[in-house]
Amino acid sequence: MQSPNARVRYEFGTKVSVAATITEGFIVGARSMPGNPYDGHTLADVLDQVEVLTDIRPALAVVDRGYRGHGMTRTRVLISGMRKGITPMLAKLLRRRSAIEAEIGHMKTDGRLARCRLKGTTGDAIFAVLCACGHNTRKILAQLRAILALFVAAMLSAFGPHPADQIMPETV
């Protein structure tokens, strides 16, 4: 069976590593890597970028199987499919990691990350960061829409016409 992306000859032309928060799914780091480097070799660069942007070194990184052989010592790395030494809390984080795959898929489709129209490796790097910014903006706007809907519903129920105050027409 062909994969769903078999019709796409290549996605970006450059590997993009994305770092997201495990609970909310906000993108806290996006970095393009020219060529096609091994995932395990890109992990240190991405974690360094997250540390520079947030002033916090992640204590835990939950990654897919492509990051085996990463050689990280300062950050604990959980790889999907691990069984040894997994507590119930770590198992929950590994399951949550599958939700981040959907976030990356939305970045490819909604954010047009699959096709970069900018020129060169600099354009690829700029485009990856802009897609991450757009993704975070879409998530924030969705939260604001939900809050606004709750506010409007509360206002309508508080200040709207009360059913007992309505005058019923008489029928003869």
Protein backbone atom coordinates (compact mmCIF):
# COMPACT_ATOMS: atom_id res chain seq x y z
CA MET A 1 0.00 0.00 0.00
CA GLN A 2 1.32 3.44 -0.88
CA SER A 3 1.73 6.06 1.78
CA PRO A 4 -0.66 9.02 1.61
CA ASN A 5 2.23 11.31 0.66
CA ALA A 6 3.49 9.09 -2.17
CA ARG A 7 2.26 11.59 -4.73
CA VAL A 8 4.49 14.26 -3.18
CA ARG A 9 7.98 13.80 -4.50
CA TYR A 10 9.55 15.77 -1.70
CA GLU A 11 7.92 17.93 0.89
CA PHE A 12 10.12 20.84 1.80
CA GLY A 13 13.53 20.08 0.31
CA THR A 14 14.94 20.82 3.77
CA LYS A 15 14.44 18.99 7.05
CA VAL A 16 12.55 21.05 9.60
CA SER A 17 12.73 20.19 13.29
CA VAL A 18 9.85 21.45 15.39
CA ALA A 19 9.81 21.72 19.18
CA ALA A 20 6.38 22.01 20.78
CA THR A 21 5.05 22.12 24.31
CA ILE A 22 3.67 18.74 25.29
CA THR A 23 0.47 20.01 26.89
CA GLU A 24 -0.75 22.94 24.75
CA GLY A 25 1.02 22.17 21.48
CA PHE A 26 2.50 25.65 21.06
CA ILE A 27 5.60 25.73 18.88
CA VAL A 28 8.58 26.95 20.91
CA GLY A 29 11.24 26.21 18.32
CA ALA A 30 11.39 25.61 14.58
CA ARG A 31 14.64 25.13 12.78
CA SER A 32 15.43 24.16 9.22
CA MET A 33 18.37 21.89 8.53
CA PRO A 34 19.82 22.05 5.01
CA GLY A 35 20.04 18.71 3.28
CA ASN A 36 18.72 15.59 4.93
CA PRO A 37 20.61 15.13 8.23
CA TYR A 38 19.92 12.27 10.62
CA ASP A 39 17.25 13.22 13.18
CA GLY A 40 19.41 12.24 16.16
CA HIS A 41 22.08 14.71 15.11
CA THR A 42 19.60 17.61 14.98
CA LEU A 43 18.24 17.19 18.51
CA ALA A 44 21.02 19.14 20.24
CA ASP A 45 20.58 22.11 17.88
CA VAL A 46 16.83 22.22 18.42
CA LEU A 47 17.12 22.01 22.20
CA ASP A 48 19.73 24.78 22.13
CA GLN A 49 17.33 26.94 20.11
CA VAL A 50 14.52 26.30 22.61
CA GLU A 51 16.86 27.27 25.45
CA VAL A 52 17.84 30.51 23.69
CA LEU A 53 14.22 31.44 22.92
CA THR A 54 12.68 30.53 26.29
CA ASP A 55 15.65 30.84 28.70
CA ILE A 56 14.77 27.34 29.96
CA ARG A 57 16.58 24.15 29.05
CA PRO A 58 13.97 21.41 28.55
CA ALA A 59 14.40 18.70 31.17
CA LEU A 60 12.54 16.16 29.03
CA ALA A 61 12.24 15.70 25.28
CA VAL A 62 9.65 13.29 23.90
CA VAL A 63 10.66 12.32 20.35
CA ASP A 64 9.86 9.74 17.70
CA ARG A 65 11.99 6.73 16.80
CA GLY A 66 14.06 8.66 14.29
CA TYR A 67 15.99 10.21 17.16
CA ARG A 68 17.63 6.99 18.38
CA GLY A 69 21.34 7.46 18.87
CA HIS A 70 21.03 11.14 19.76
CA GLY A 71 23.84 11.26 22.36
CA MET A 72 22.09 13.79 24.61
CA THR A 73 23.21 13.90 28.24
CA ARG A 74 21.80 17.17 29.65
CA THR A 75 18.19 16.45 28.67
CA ARG A 76 16.29 13.23 29.30
CA VAL A 77 14.97 11.86 26.01
CA LEU A 78 11.93 9.60 25.74
CA ILE A 79 11.67 7.80 22.43
CA SER A 80 8.31 6.51 21.17
CA GLY A 81 8.04 2.79 21.72
CA MET A 82 10.24 2.73 24.82
CA ARG A 83 9.25 0.14 27.40
CA LYS A 84 12.15 0.07 29.85
CA GLY A 85 11.93 2.37 32.88
CA ILE A 86 8.62 3.94 31.91
CA THR A 87 6.46 5.18 34.78
CA PRO A 88 2.72 5.80 34.29
CA MET A 89 3.37 9.55 34.00
CA LEU A 90 6.04 9.04 31.32
CA ALA A 91 3.71 6.65 29.49
CA LYS A 92 1.07 9.40 29.48
CA LEU A 93 3.61 11.83 27.97
CA LEU A 94 4.51 9.29 25.28
CA ARG A 95 0.84 8.96 24.37
CA ARG A 96 0.48 12.75 24.32
CA ARG A 97 3.35 12.92 21.84
CA SER A 98 1.12 11.38 19.17
CA ALA A 99 -1.08 14.49 19.40
CA ILE A 100 1.91 16.62 18.44
CA GLU A 101 2.07 14.73 15.12
CA ALA A 102 -1.32 16.22 14.30
CA GLU A 103 0.03 19.70 15.10
CA ILE A 104 2.88 19.12 12.65
CA GLY A 105 0.38 17.91 10.06
CA HIS A 106 -1.63 21.12 10.52
CA MET A 107 1.55 23.13 10.04
CA LYS A 108 2.14 21.32 6.75
CA THR A 109 -1.39 21.80 5.43
CA ASP A 110 -2.76 24.96 7.07
CA GLY A 111 0.59 26.72 7.32
CA ARG A 112 1.76 25.53 3.90
CA LEU A 113 4.97 24.14 5.42
CA ALA A 114 5.02 21.39 2.80
CA ARG A 115 6.06 23.82 0.04
CA CYS A 116 8.48 26.69 0.60
CA ARG A 117 8.32 29.48 -1.95
CA LEU A 118 11.30 31.42 -0.57
CA LYS A 119 14.72 31.11 -2.15
CA GLY A 120 17.71 29.31 -0.67
CA THR A 121 18.56 28.01 2.78
CA THR A 122 17.92 31.42 4.34
CA GLY A 123 14.43 31.42 2.83
CA ASP A 124 13.83 27.92 4.17
CA ALA A 125 14.86 29.01 7.68
CA ILE A 126 12.64 32.12 7.57
CA PHE A 127 9.71 30.14 6.21
CA ALA A 128 9.94 27.51 8.97
CA VAL A 129 9.88 30.18 11.68
CA LEU A 130 6.99 32.03 10.00
CA CYS A 131 4.97 28.80 9.76
CA ALA A 132 5.54 28.22 13.48
CA CYS A 133 4.41 31.79 14.25
CA GLY A 134 1.30 31.34 12.12
CA HIS A 135 0.50 28.06 13.85
CA ASN A 136 0.75 29.66 17.29
CA THR A 137 -1.38 32.60 16.13
CA ARG A 138 -4.09 30.23 14.86
CA LYS A 139 -4.11 28.44 18.24
CA ILE A 140 -4.35 31.72 20.16
CA LEU A 141 -7.19 32.98 17.94
CA ALA A 142 -9.10 29.74 18.45
CA GLN A 143 -8.81 30.17 22.23
CA LEU A 144 -9.96 33.79 21.98
CA ARG A 145 -12.96 32.75 19.85
CA ALA A 146 -13.95 30.20 22.50
CA ILE A 147 -13.65 32.79 25.28
CA LEU A 148 -15.67 35.32 23.25
CA ALA A 149 -18.42 32.74 22.63
CA LEU A 150 -18.64 32.04 26.37
CA PHE A 151 -18.74 35.78 27.11
CA VAL A 152 -21.49 36.42 24.57
CA ALA A 153 -23.53 33.48 25.87
CA ALA A 154 -23.19 34.78 29.45
CA MET A 155 -24.20 38.29 28.39
CA LEU A 156 -27.24 37.04 26.49
CA SER A 157 -28.40 34.92 29.38
CA ALA A 158 -27.86 37.77 31.87
CA PHE A 159 -29.35 40.65 29.88
CA GLY A 160 -31.64 38.90 27.43
CA PRO A 161 -35.42 38.88 27.75
CA HIS A 162 -36.67 36.69 30.56
CA PRO A 163 -39.44 34.24 29.50
CA ALA A 164 -41.72 35.40 32.37
CA ASP A 165 -41.53 39.01 31.15
CA GLN A 166 -42.85 38.20 27.68
CA ILE A 167 -46.47 39.10 26.92
CA MET A 168 -48.44 36.26 25.44
CA PRO A 169 -51.11 37.30 22.89
CA GLU A 170 -54.66 36.32 23.73
CA THR A 171 -56.59 34.11 21.43
CA VAL A 172 -60.34 34.55 21.13
